Amino acid sequence: MSSHFFAMISRMKYINRWGLMNNTHNETISEHSLQVAMFTHCMILMHNDMFGENLNADHGAILAIYHDAGEIITGDLPTPVKYYNDKITNAYKEVEVVAEEQLLSMLPENMQIYYKNILHFSEDDRELWKYVKAADKISALTKCISEINMGNSEFSDAYHTIKQSIENMNMPVADKFIEEFIPSFRLTLDKLK
């Protein structure tokens, strides 16, 4: 019997984010997850460098790759809807767990043990998930910058809300990452050379 797991995971490229927003470029969860993985990896390395620790940046990147995998089944529920009230938020979290279980069940039984703590939150990875969450928000910030650069004011309010939520995380590494890497997202290709 063959496993459908990676065929299903490859469908991340069909799930668009920002469904309630007028986009100049549709961003898929596949694109988003790659960026979140790269940002997570870098921020964990920066954390280790700044604080002399040894958090596993590679594992953090893997968590980030799969952080929205359940949305293959659920779709991307827009943030204003997902967090409208506690009842909706909690119900959606339950739906996400069911979707993650569905994906996990698509793996051969002997492989499920390896992916269980990647597809589901694990206490063992609590520290790494903080970086995934920060990278997720920073990725959303770069999407807002990209849309604003294209003259799309639809993303102006989202930009300020997301920027504030990152500041509220009180993560020096996230602040340093933004300072170091995010201003370049406002530049044209010629200026990046």
N, C-alpha and C. Protein backbone atom coordinates (compact mmCIF):
# COMPACT_ATOMS: atom_id res chain seq x y z
N MET A 1 0.84 -1.19 0.00
CA MET A 1 0.00 0.00 0.00
C MET A 1 0.88 1.24 0.00
N SER A 2 0.54 2.21 -0.80
CA SER A 2 1.36 3.42 -0.86
C SER A 2 0.83 4.46 0.12
N SER A 3 1.72 5.36 0.49
CA SER A 3 1.39 6.44 1.44
C SER A 3 1.03 7.69 0.66
N HIS A 4 -0.04 8.34 1.09
CA HIS A 4 -0.51 9.55 0.42
C HIS A 4 0.05 10.83 1.05
N PHE A 5 0.89 10.68 2.07
CA PHE A 5 1.33 11.84 2.86
C PHE A 5 1.95 12.94 2.01
N PHE A 6 2.98 12.62 1.25
CA PHE A 6 3.66 13.68 0.51
C PHE A 6 2.87 14.20 -0.68
N ALA A 7 2.01 13.36 -1.24
CA ALA A 7 1.11 13.86 -2.29
C ALA A 7 0.16 14.90 -1.69
N MET A 8 -0.29 14.63 -0.46
CA MET A 8 -1.18 15.59 0.21
C MET A 8 -0.39 16.84 0.61
N ILE A 9 0.80 16.67 1.18
CA ILE A 9 1.63 17.82 1.58
C ILE A 9 1.94 18.71 0.37
N SER A 10 2.13 18.11 -0.78
CA SER A 10 2.46 18.90 -1.97
C SER A 10 1.31 19.82 -2.37
N ARG A 11 0.13 19.58 -1.84
CA ARG A 11 -1.02 20.42 -2.14
C ARG A 11 -0.98 21.75 -1.38
N MET A 12 0.05 21.96 -0.58
CA MET A 12 0.23 23.26 0.07
C MET A 12 0.28 24.38 -0.96
N LYS A 13 0.75 24.03 -2.16
CA LYS A 13 0.88 25.03 -3.22
C LYS A 13 -0.46 25.51 -3.76
N TYR A 14 -1.55 24.82 -3.39
CA TYR A 14 -2.88 25.21 -3.86
C TYR A 14 -3.67 26.03 -2.85
N ILE A 15 -3.14 26.17 -1.64
CA ILE A 15 -3.88 26.87 -0.58
C ILE A 15 -3.36 28.30 -0.48
N ASN A 16 -4.21 29.24 -0.87
CA ASN A 16 -3.83 30.65 -0.81
C ASN A 16 -4.08 31.23 0.58
N ARG A 17 -3.20 32.12 0.96
CA ARG A 17 -3.33 32.87 2.22
C ARG A 17 -4.02 34.21 1.93
N TRP A 18 -4.38 34.90 2.99
CA TRP A 18 -4.93 36.26 2.89
C TRP A 18 -6.22 36.29 2.08
N GLY A 19 -7.10 35.33 2.34
CA GLY A 19 -8.31 35.16 1.56
C GLY A 19 -9.27 36.34 1.56
N LEU A 20 -9.29 37.14 2.61
CA LEU A 20 -10.21 38.27 2.65
C LEU A 20 -9.60 39.55 2.08
N MET A 21 -8.34 39.48 1.69
CA MET A 21 -7.62 40.67 1.24
C MET A 21 -7.50 40.68 -0.29
N ASN A 22 -7.46 41.90 -0.84
CA ASN A 22 -7.21 42.08 -2.26
C ASN A 22 -5.69 41.99 -2.45
N ASN A 23 -5.22 40.96 -3.10
CA ASN A 23 -3.79 40.69 -3.27
C ASN A 23 -3.31 41.05 -4.67
N THR A 24 -2.12 41.62 -4.77
CA THR A 24 -1.52 41.78 -6.10
C THR A 24 -0.82 40.48 -6.50
N HIS A 25 -0.42 39.68 -5.52
CA HIS A 25 0.19 38.36 -5.75
C HIS A 25 -0.38 37.41 -4.71
N ASN A 26 -0.97 36.31 -5.17
CA ASN A 26 -1.48 35.31 -4.23
C ASN A 26 -0.31 34.54 -3.64
N GLU A 27 -0.28 34.49 -2.32
CA GLU A 27 0.77 33.76 -1.61
C GLU A 27 0.18 32.44 -1.13
N THR A 28 0.86 31.34 -1.43
CA THR A 28 0.40 30.02 -0.99
C THR A 28 1.03 29.67 0.35
N ILE A 29 0.44 28.66 1.02
CA ILE A 29 1.07 28.24 2.27
C ILE A 29 2.40 27.54 2.01
N SER A 30 2.59 27.06 0.81
CA SER A 30 3.88 26.47 0.45
C SER A 30 4.98 27.54 0.44
N GLU A 31 4.71 28.63 -0.25
CA GLU A 31 5.67 29.75 -0.28
C GLU A 31 5.92 30.29 1.13
N HIS A 32 4.83 30.50 1.83
CA HIS A 32 4.90 31.05 3.18
C HIS A 32 5.71 30.14 4.10
N SER A 33 5.46 28.84 4.05
CA SER A 33 6.13 27.91 4.94
C SER A 33 7.64 27.86 4.69
N LEU A 34 8.04 27.96 3.43
CA LEU A 34 9.47 28.00 3.12
C LEU A 34 10.10 29.23 3.76
N GLN A 35 9.45 30.38 3.59
CA GLN A 35 10.01 31.61 4.17
C GLN A 35 10.05 31.52 5.70
N VAL A 36 9.00 31.00 6.30
CA VAL A 36 8.97 30.87 7.76
C VAL A 36 10.10 29.94 8.22
N ALA A 37 10.34 28.87 7.48
CA ALA A 37 11.43 27.95 7.84
C ALA A 37 12.79 28.64 7.78
N MET A 38 13.01 29.42 6.73
CA MET A 38 14.30 30.13 6.60
C MET A 38 14.46 31.15 7.72
N PHE A 39 13.40 31.91 8.01
CA PHE A 39 13.47 32.92 9.07
C PHE A 39 13.67 32.27 10.43
N THR A 40 12.96 31.17 10.69
CA THR A 40 13.09 30.45 11.97
C THR A 40 14.52 29.98 12.16
N HIS A 41 15.05 29.35 11.13
CA HIS A 41 16.41 28.81 11.20
C HIS A 41 17.40 29.91 11.56
N CYS A 42 17.31 31.02 10.85
CA CYS A 42 18.23 32.13 11.07
C CYS A 42 18.06 32.72 12.48
N MET A 43 16.83 32.92 12.91
CA MET A 43 16.63 33.51 14.24
C MET A 43 17.14 32.61 15.36
N ILE A 44 17.00 31.31 15.19
CA ILE A 44 17.53 30.40 16.22
C ILE A 44 19.05 30.46 16.23
N LEU A 45 19.66 30.51 15.05
CA LEU A 45 21.13 30.66 14.99
C LEU A 45 21.56 31.98 15.64
N MET A 46 20.81 33.05 15.36
CA MET A 46 21.11 34.35 15.98
C MET A 46 20.97 34.27 17.49
N HIS A 47 19.92 33.59 17.96
CA HIS A 47 19.72 33.41 19.40
C HIS A 47 20.92 32.69 20.01
N ASN A 48 21.33 31.59 19.38
CA ASN A 48 22.48 30.83 19.89
C ASN A 48 23.72 31.70 19.94
N ASP A 49 23.92 32.51 18.91
CA ASP A 49 25.09 33.39 18.84
C ASP A 49 25.03 34.49 19.91
N MET A 50 23.85 35.07 20.10
CA MET A 50 23.70 36.17 21.06
C MET A 50 23.78 35.70 22.51
N PHE A 51 23.25 34.51 22.78
CA PHE A 51 23.09 34.08 24.17
C PHE A 51 23.92 32.84 24.52
N GLY A 52 24.76 32.39 23.59
CA GLY A 52 25.64 31.25 23.87
C GLY A 52 24.88 29.96 24.15
N GLU A 53 23.73 29.81 23.54
CA GLU A 53 22.96 28.59 23.74
C GLU A 53 23.12 27.67 22.53
N ASN A 54 22.44 26.54 22.57
CA ASN A 54 22.57 25.56 21.50
C ASN A 54 21.20 25.00 21.11
N LEU A 55 20.25 25.90 20.82
CA LEU A 55 18.95 25.43 20.34
C LEU A 55 19.12 24.83 18.95
N ASN A 56 18.31 23.86 18.62
CA ASN A 56 18.44 23.13 17.36
C ASN A 56 17.74 23.88 16.23
N ALA A 57 18.51 24.65 15.49
CA ALA A 57 17.97 25.46 14.40
C ALA A 57 17.41 24.60 13.27
N ASP A 58 18.04 23.46 13.01
CA ASP A 58 17.56 22.58 11.95
C ASP A 58 16.18 22.03 12.29
N HIS A 59 16.01 21.60 13.53
CA HIS A 59 14.70 21.08 13.95
C HIS A 59 13.65 22.19 13.94
N GLY A 60 14.04 23.38 14.33
CA GLY A 60 13.13 24.52 14.28
C GLY A 60 12.65 24.77 12.86
N ALA A 61 13.56 24.66 11.90
CA ALA A 61 13.19 24.86 10.49
C ALA A 61 12.21 23.78 10.02
N ILE A 62 12.40 22.56 10.47
CA ILE A 62 11.47 21.48 10.11
C ILE A 62 10.08 21.76 10.69
N LEU A 63 10.02 22.20 11.94
CA LEU A 63 8.72 22.55 12.53
C LEU A 63 8.04 23.63 11.70
N ALA A 64 8.83 24.60 11.25
CA ALA A 64 8.28 25.70 10.46
C ALA A 64 7.77 25.23 9.09
N ILE A 65 8.48 24.31 8.47
CA ILE A 65 8.05 23.80 7.17
C ILE A 65 6.63 23.24 7.25
N TYR A 66 6.34 22.56 8.34
CA TYR A 66 5.04 21.89 8.50
C TYR A 66 4.05 22.68 9.36
N HIS A 67 4.39 23.90 9.77
CA HIS A 67 3.55 24.59 10.77
C HIS A 67 2.13 24.87 10.29
N ASP A 68 1.90 24.99 9.01
CA ASP A 68 0.56 25.24 8.47
C ASP A 68 0.04 24.05 7.66
N ALA A 69 0.66 22.90 7.80
CA ALA A 69 0.30 21.74 6.98
C ALA A 69 -1.17 21.37 7.11
N GLY A 70 -1.73 21.52 8.28
CA GLY A 70 -3.14 21.20 8.49
C GLY A 70 -4.07 22.01 7.60
N GLU A 71 -3.60 23.17 7.14
CA GLU A 71 -4.43 24.02 6.29
C GLU A 71 -4.67 23.41 4.91
N ILE A 72 -3.94 22.37 4.58
CA ILE A 72 -4.23 21.64 3.34
C ILE A 72 -5.66 21.09 3.43
N ILE A 73 -6.05 20.69 4.61
CA ILE A 73 -7.37 20.11 4.83
C ILE A 73 -8.38 21.19 5.24
N THR A 74 -7.97 22.12 6.08
CA THR A 74 -8.91 23.12 6.61
C THR A 74 -9.03 24.36 5.74
N GLY A 75 -8.03 24.61 4.91
CA GLY A 75 -7.93 25.90 4.22
C GLY A 75 -7.35 26.92 5.19
N ASP A 76 -7.05 28.08 4.69
CA ASP A 76 -6.50 29.15 5.54
C ASP A 76 -7.64 30.02 6.03
N LEU A 77 -7.94 29.91 7.30
CA LEU A 77 -8.99 30.74 7.89
C LEU A 77 -8.39 32.11 8.18
N PRO A 78 -8.95 33.18 7.62
CA PRO A 78 -8.38 34.52 7.84
C PRO A 78 -8.30 34.88 9.32
N THR A 79 -7.23 35.56 9.70
CA THR A 79 -6.98 35.94 11.09
C THR A 79 -8.16 36.65 11.74
N PRO A 80 -8.80 37.63 11.09
CA PRO A 80 -9.92 38.29 11.77
C PRO A 80 -11.05 37.33 12.13
N VAL A 81 -11.21 36.26 11.34
CA VAL A 81 -12.25 35.27 11.64
C VAL A 81 -11.74 34.31 12.71
N LYS A 82 -10.50 33.82 12.53
CA LYS A 82 -9.92 32.83 13.44
C LYS A 82 -9.87 33.34 14.89
N TYR A 83 -9.61 34.63 15.05
CA TYR A 83 -9.46 35.19 16.39
C TYR A 83 -10.60 36.15 16.76
N TYR A 84 -11.74 36.00 16.11
CA TYR A 84 -12.88 36.88 16.37
C TYR A 84 -13.35 36.78 17.82
N ASN A 85 -13.42 35.54 18.34
CA ASN A 85 -13.73 35.35 19.76
C ASN A 85 -13.16 34.00 20.20
N ASP A 86 -13.15 33.77 21.50
CA ASP A 86 -12.54 32.56 22.04
C ASP A 86 -13.23 31.28 21.55
N LYS A 87 -14.53 31.35 21.37
CA LYS A 87 -15.27 30.17 20.93
C LYS A 87 -14.81 29.73 19.54
N ILE A 88 -14.68 30.68 18.62
CA ILE A 88 -14.21 30.36 17.27
C ILE A 88 -12.76 29.90 17.31
N THR A 89 -11.93 30.60 18.07
CA THR A 89 -10.51 30.24 18.17
C THR A 89 -10.33 28.82 18.68
N ASN A 90 -11.03 28.48 19.75
CA ASN A 90 -10.90 27.14 20.33
C ASN A 90 -11.46 26.07 19.40
N ALA A 91 -12.58 26.36 18.74
CA ALA A 91 -13.15 25.39 17.79
C ALA A 91 -12.18 25.15 16.63
N TYR A 92 -11.56 26.23 16.13
CA TYR A 92 -10.63 26.08 15.02
C TYR A 92 -9.39 25.29 15.43
N LYS A 93 -8.93 25.51 16.67
CA LYS A 93 -7.78 24.73 17.16
C LYS A 93 -8.11 23.24 17.17
N GLU A 94 -9.33 22.90 17.56
CA GLU A 94 -9.75 21.50 17.54
C GLU A 94 -9.76 20.95 16.11
N VAL A 95 -10.25 21.75 15.18
CA VAL A 95 -10.28 21.35 13.77
C VAL A 95 -8.84 21.14 13.27
N GLU A 96 -7.93 22.03 13.67
CA GLU A 96 -6.53 21.89 13.25
C GLU A 96 -5.93 20.58 13.74
N VAL A 97 -6.23 20.20 14.98
CA VAL A 97 -5.71 18.94 15.53
C VAL A 97 -6.23 17.76 14.73
N VAL A 98 -7.50 17.78 14.38
CA VAL A 98 -8.09 16.71 13.58
C VAL A 98 -7.41 16.65 12.21
N ALA A 99 -7.17 17.80 11.60
CA ALA A 99 -6.49 17.85 10.30
C ALA A 99 -5.07 17.30 10.40
N GLU A 100 -4.36 17.67 11.46
CA GLU A 100 -2.99 17.16 11.66
C GLU A 100 -3.00 15.65 11.85
N GLU A 101 -3.99 15.13 12.58
CA GLU A 101 -4.13 13.69 12.77
C GLU A 101 -4.40 12.99 11.44
N GLN A 102 -5.22 13.62 10.61
CA GLN A 102 -5.52 13.06 9.29
C GLN A 102 -4.23 12.94 8.47
N LEU A 103 -3.42 14.00 8.48
CA LEU A 103 -2.15 13.95 7.76
C LEU A 103 -1.23 12.87 8.32
N LEU A 104 -1.15 12.80 9.64
CA LEU A 104 -0.30 11.81 10.30
C LEU A 104 -0.72 10.40 9.90
N SER A 105 -2.01 10.16 9.80
CA SER A 105 -2.52 8.83 9.46
C SER A 105 -2.16 8.43 8.03
N MET A 106 -1.75 9.38 7.21
CA MET A 106 -1.39 9.08 5.83
C MET A 106 0.04 8.54 5.70
N LEU A 107 0.78 8.60 6.79
CA LEU A 107 2.14 8.07 6.79
C LEU A 107 2.12 6.58 7.13
N PRO A 108 3.12 5.83 6.66
CA PRO A 108 3.23 4.45 7.13
C PRO A 108 3.36 4.44 8.66
N GLU A 109 2.81 3.44 9.29
CA GLU A 109 2.79 3.40 10.76
C GLU A 109 4.17 3.59 11.38
N ASN A 110 5.18 2.96 10.80
CA ASN A 110 6.52 3.06 11.38
C ASN A 110 7.12 4.46 11.24
N MET A 111 6.55 5.32 10.38
CA MET A 111 7.06 6.69 10.22
C MET A 111 6.29 7.70 11.07
N GLN A 112 5.11 7.33 11.53
CA GLN A 112 4.27 8.26 12.27
C GLN A 112 4.95 8.78 13.54
N ILE A 113 5.72 7.94 14.19
CA ILE A 113 6.39 8.36 15.42
C ILE A 113 7.35 9.53 15.17
N TYR A 114 7.94 9.58 13.99
CA TYR A 114 8.89 10.64 13.66
C TYR A 114 8.19 11.97 13.34
N TYR A 115 7.00 11.88 12.80
CA TYR A 115 6.28 13.09 12.38
C TYR A 115 5.27 13.60 13.40
N LYS A 116 4.95 12.78 14.40
CA LYS A 116 3.93 13.17 15.39
C LYS A 116 4.25 14.51 16.04
N ASN A 117 5.48 14.68 16.52
CA ASN A 117 5.86 15.93 17.20
C ASN A 117 6.28 17.03 16.23
N ILE A 118 6.24 16.74 14.95
CA ILE A 118 6.45 17.78 13.94
C ILE A 118 5.10 18.38 13.55
N LEU A 119 4.12 17.51 13.36
CA LEU A 119 2.79 17.96 12.97
C LEU A 119 1.97 18.49 14.15
N HIS A 120 2.28 18.00 15.36
CA HIS A 120 1.59 18.43 16.58
C HIS A 120 2.56 19.19 17.47
N PHE A 121 2.04 20.15 18.21
CA PHE A 121 2.86 20.84 19.22
C PHE A 121 3.34 19.83 20.26
N SER A 122 4.60 19.94 20.62
CA SER A 122 5.18 19.10 21.67
C SER A 122 5.83 20.02 22.70
N GLU A 123 5.59 19.72 23.97
CA GLU A 123 6.21 20.49 25.06
C GLU A 123 7.73 20.53 24.90
N ASP A 124 8.31 19.44 24.40
CA ASP A 124 9.77 19.37 24.23
C ASP A 124 10.28 20.45 23.29
N ASP A 125 9.43 20.91 22.40
CA ASP A 125 9.82 21.90 21.39
C ASP A 125 9.27 23.30 21.68
N ARG A 126 8.76 23.51 22.89
CA ARG A 126 8.12 24.79 23.24
C ARG A 126 9.01 25.98 22.87
N GLU A 127 10.28 25.93 23.20
CA GLU A 127 11.19 27.05 22.93
C GLU A 127 11.33 27.30 21.43
N LEU A 128 11.43 26.24 20.65
CA LEU A 128 11.57 26.37 19.19
C LEU A 128 10.31 26.95 18.57
N TRP A 129 9.14 26.56 19.10
CA TRP A 129 7.88 27.07 18.55
C TRP A 129 7.76 28.58 18.71
N LYS A 130 8.41 29.15 19.71
CA LYS A 130 8.40 30.62 19.86
C LYS A 130 9.02 31.28 18.63
N TYR A 131 10.06 30.66 18.10
CA TYR A 131 10.74 31.21 16.92
C TYR A 131 9.91 30.99 15.66
N VAL A 132 9.23 29.85 15.59
CA VAL A 132 8.34 29.61 14.46
C VAL A 132 7.22 30.65 14.45
N LYS A 133 6.66 30.93 15.62
CA LYS A 133 5.57 31.91 15.72
C LYS A 133 6.07 33.31 15.31
N ALA A 134 7.25 33.68 15.80
CA ALA A 134 7.82 34.98 15.43
C ALA A 134 8.09 35.04 13.93
N ALA A 135 8.66 33.97 13.38
CA ALA A 135 8.96 33.93 11.95
C ALA A 135 7.68 33.98 11.12
N ASP A 136 6.63 33.36 11.61
CA ASP A 136 5.34 33.38 10.94
C ASP A 136 4.83 34.81 10.83
N LYS A 137 4.94 35.55 11.92
CA LYS A 137 4.50 36.95 11.92
C LYS A 137 5.40 37.82 11.04
N ILE A 138 6.70 37.57 11.08
CA ILE A 138 7.63 38.35 10.26
C ILE A 138 7.38 38.07 8.78
N SER A 139 7.09 36.82 8.44
CA SER A 139 6.75 36.50 7.06
C SER A 139 5.50 37.26 6.63
N ALA A 140 4.50 37.32 7.51
CA ALA A 140 3.29 38.10 7.20
C ALA A 140 3.63 39.58 7.01
N LEU A 141 4.57 40.07 7.81
CA LEU A 141 5.00 41.46 7.69
C LEU A 141 5.62 41.71 6.31
N THR A 142 6.44 40.77 5.83
CA THR A 142 7.06 40.95 4.51
C THR A 142 6.02 40.89 3.40
N LYS A 143 4.98 40.10 3.59
CA LYS A 143 3.87 40.08 2.61
C LYS A 143 3.21 41.45 2.56
N CYS A 144 2.98 42.04 3.72
CA CYS A 144 2.38 43.38 3.77
C CYS A 144 3.27 44.40 3.07
N ILE A 145 4.57 44.33 3.34
CA ILE A 145 5.52 45.25 2.70
C ILE A 145 5.47 45.09 1.19
N SER A 146 5.46 43.85 0.73
CA SER A 146 5.42 43.58 -0.71
C SER A 146 4.16 44.16 -1.35
N GLU A 147 3.03 43.97 -0.70
CA GLU A 147 1.77 44.49 -1.24
C GLU A 147 1.75 46.02 -1.22
N ILE A 148 2.23 46.62 -0.14
CA ILE A 148 2.28 48.08 -0.05
C ILE A 148 3.22 48.64 -1.12
N ASN A 149 4.35 47.96 -1.34
CA ASN A 149 5.29 48.38 -2.38
C ASN A 149 4.63 48.40 -3.76
N MET A 150 3.64 47.52 -3.95
CA MET A 150 2.93 47.45 -5.24
C MET A 150 1.78 48.44 -5.29
N GLY A 151 1.69 49.31 -4.27
CA GLY A 151 0.64 50.32 -4.25
C GLY A 151 -0.68 49.84 -3.68
N ASN A 152 -0.66 48.68 -3.04
CA ASN A 152 -1.88 48.09 -2.49
C ASN A 152 -2.04 48.51 -1.02
N SER A 153 -2.82 49.55 -0.81
CA SER A 153 -3.02 50.06 0.56
C SER A 153 -3.88 49.14 1.41
N GLU A 154 -4.47 48.12 0.80
CA GLU A 154 -5.28 47.13 1.52
C GLU A 154 -4.51 46.52 2.69
N PHE A 155 -3.18 46.46 2.58
CA PHE A 155 -2.35 45.80 3.58
C PHE A 155 -1.76 46.77 4.62
N SER A 156 -2.10 48.04 4.55
CA SER A 156 -1.53 49.03 5.48
C SER A 156 -1.91 48.76 6.92
N ASP A 157 -3.18 48.54 7.18
CA ASP A 157 -3.61 48.27 8.56
C ASP A 157 -3.02 46.96 9.07
N ALA A 158 -3.00 45.94 8.21
CA ALA A 158 -2.43 44.65 8.60
C ALA A 158 -0.95 44.81 8.96
N TYR A 159 -0.24 45.62 8.19
CA TYR A 159 1.18 45.86 8.47
C TYR A 159 1.36 46.39 9.90
N HIS A 160 0.61 47.40 10.26
CA HIS A 160 0.76 48.01 11.59
C HIS A 160 0.33 47.05 12.70
N THR A 161 -0.72 46.30 12.47
CA THR A 161 -1.19 45.32 13.47
C THR A 161 -0.15 44.23 13.69
N ILE A 162 0.40 43.72 12.60
CA ILE A 162 1.40 42.65 12.69
C ILE A 162 2.69 43.16 13.32
N LYS A 163 3.11 44.34 12.91
CA LYS A 163 4.33 44.94 13.48
C LYS A 163 4.18 45.09 15.00
N GLN A 164 3.01 45.55 15.43
CA GLN A 164 2.76 45.71 16.87
C GLN A 164 2.75 44.35 17.58
N SER A 165 2.17 43.35 16.95
CA SER A 165 2.13 42.03 17.58
C SER A 165 3.53 41.43 17.73
N ILE A 166 4.41 41.72 16.78
CA ILE A 166 5.81 41.26 16.90
C ILE A 166 6.50 42.00 18.04
N GLU A 167 6.31 43.30 18.11
CA GLU A 167 6.91 44.08 19.20
C GLU A 167 6.41 43.57 20.55
N ASN A 168 5.13 43.20 20.62
CA ASN A 168 4.55 42.70 21.87
C ASN A 168 5.10 41.34 22.29
N MET A 169 5.76 40.64 21.38
CA MET A 169 6.35 39.34 21.72
C MET A 169 7.57 39.52 22.62
N ASN A 170 8.16 40.71 22.62
CA ASN A 170 9.35 41.00 23.44
C ASN A 170 10.45 39.97 23.23
N MET A 171 10.78 39.75 21.95
CA MET A 171 11.84 38.82 21.58
C MET A 171 12.99 39.62 20.96
N PRO A 172 14.06 39.84 21.70
CA PRO A 172 15.19 40.61 21.16
C PRO A 172 15.71 40.06 19.82
N VAL A 173 15.69 38.75 19.67
CA VAL A 173 16.20 38.15 18.43
C VAL A 173 15.28 38.51 17.25
N ALA A 174 13.98 38.50 17.47
CA ALA A 174 13.05 38.89 16.40
C ALA A 174 13.26 40.35 16.03
N ASP A 175 13.44 41.20 17.03
CA ASP A 175 13.69 42.62 16.77
C ASP A 175 14.99 42.80 15.98
N LYS A 176 16.02 42.07 16.37
CA LYS A 176 17.31 42.15 15.68
C LYS A 176 17.19 41.63 14.23
N PHE A 177 16.45 40.53 14.06
CA PHE A 177 16.24 39.97 12.73
C PHE A 177 15.55 41.00 11.83
N ILE A 178 14.51 41.64 12.35
CA ILE A 178 13.79 42.64 11.58
C ILE A 178 14.71 43.80 11.21
N GLU A 179 15.47 44.26 12.17
CA GLU A 179 16.40 45.38 11.94
C GLU A 179 17.43 45.02 10.87
N GLU A 180 17.92 43.80 10.92
CA GLU A 180 18.99 43.36 10.02
C GLU A 180 18.49 43.03 8.60
N PHE A 181 17.36 42.35 8.51
CA PHE A 181 16.96 41.76 7.23
C PHE A 181 15.73 42.36 6.56
N ILE A 182 14.83 42.94 7.30
CA ILE A 182 13.55 43.33 6.72
C ILE A 182 13.59 44.64 5.91
N PRO A 183 14.41 45.63 6.23
CA PRO A 183 14.42 46.83 5.40
C PRO A 183 14.68 46.56 3.91
N SER A 184 15.43 45.53 3.61
CA SER A 184 15.73 45.19 2.21
C SER A 184 14.49 44.79 1.43
N PHE A 185 13.45 44.36 2.11
CA PHE A 185 12.21 43.98 1.42
C PHE A 185 11.52 45.18 0.79
N ARG A 186 11.94 46.38 1.16
CA ARG A 186 11.36 47.60 0.57
C ARG A 186 12.10 48.02 -0.70
N LEU A 187 13.23 47.36 -1.01
CA LEU A 187 14.07 47.77 -2.13
C LEU A 187 13.68 47.08 -3.42
N THR A 188 14.01 47.72 -4.53
CA THR A 188 13.84 47.09 -5.85
C THR A 188 14.99 46.14 -6.09
N LEU A 189 14.84 45.28 -7.09
CA LEU A 189 15.89 44.31 -7.43
C LEU A 189 17.22 45.00 -7.69
N ASP A 190 17.22 46.10 -8.44
CA ASP A 190 18.47 46.79 -8.76
C ASP A 190 19.18 47.30 -7.50
N LYS A 191 18.42 47.68 -6.51
CA LYS A 191 19.03 48.19 -5.27
C LYS A 191 19.54 47.08 -4.36
N LEU A 192 19.13 45.84 -4.62
CA LEU A 192 19.59 44.71 -3.81
C LEU A 192 20.97 44.23 -4.23
N LYS A 193 21.45 44.70 -5.36
CA LYS A 193 22.75 44.24 -5.87
C LYS A 193 23.89 44.93 -5.17
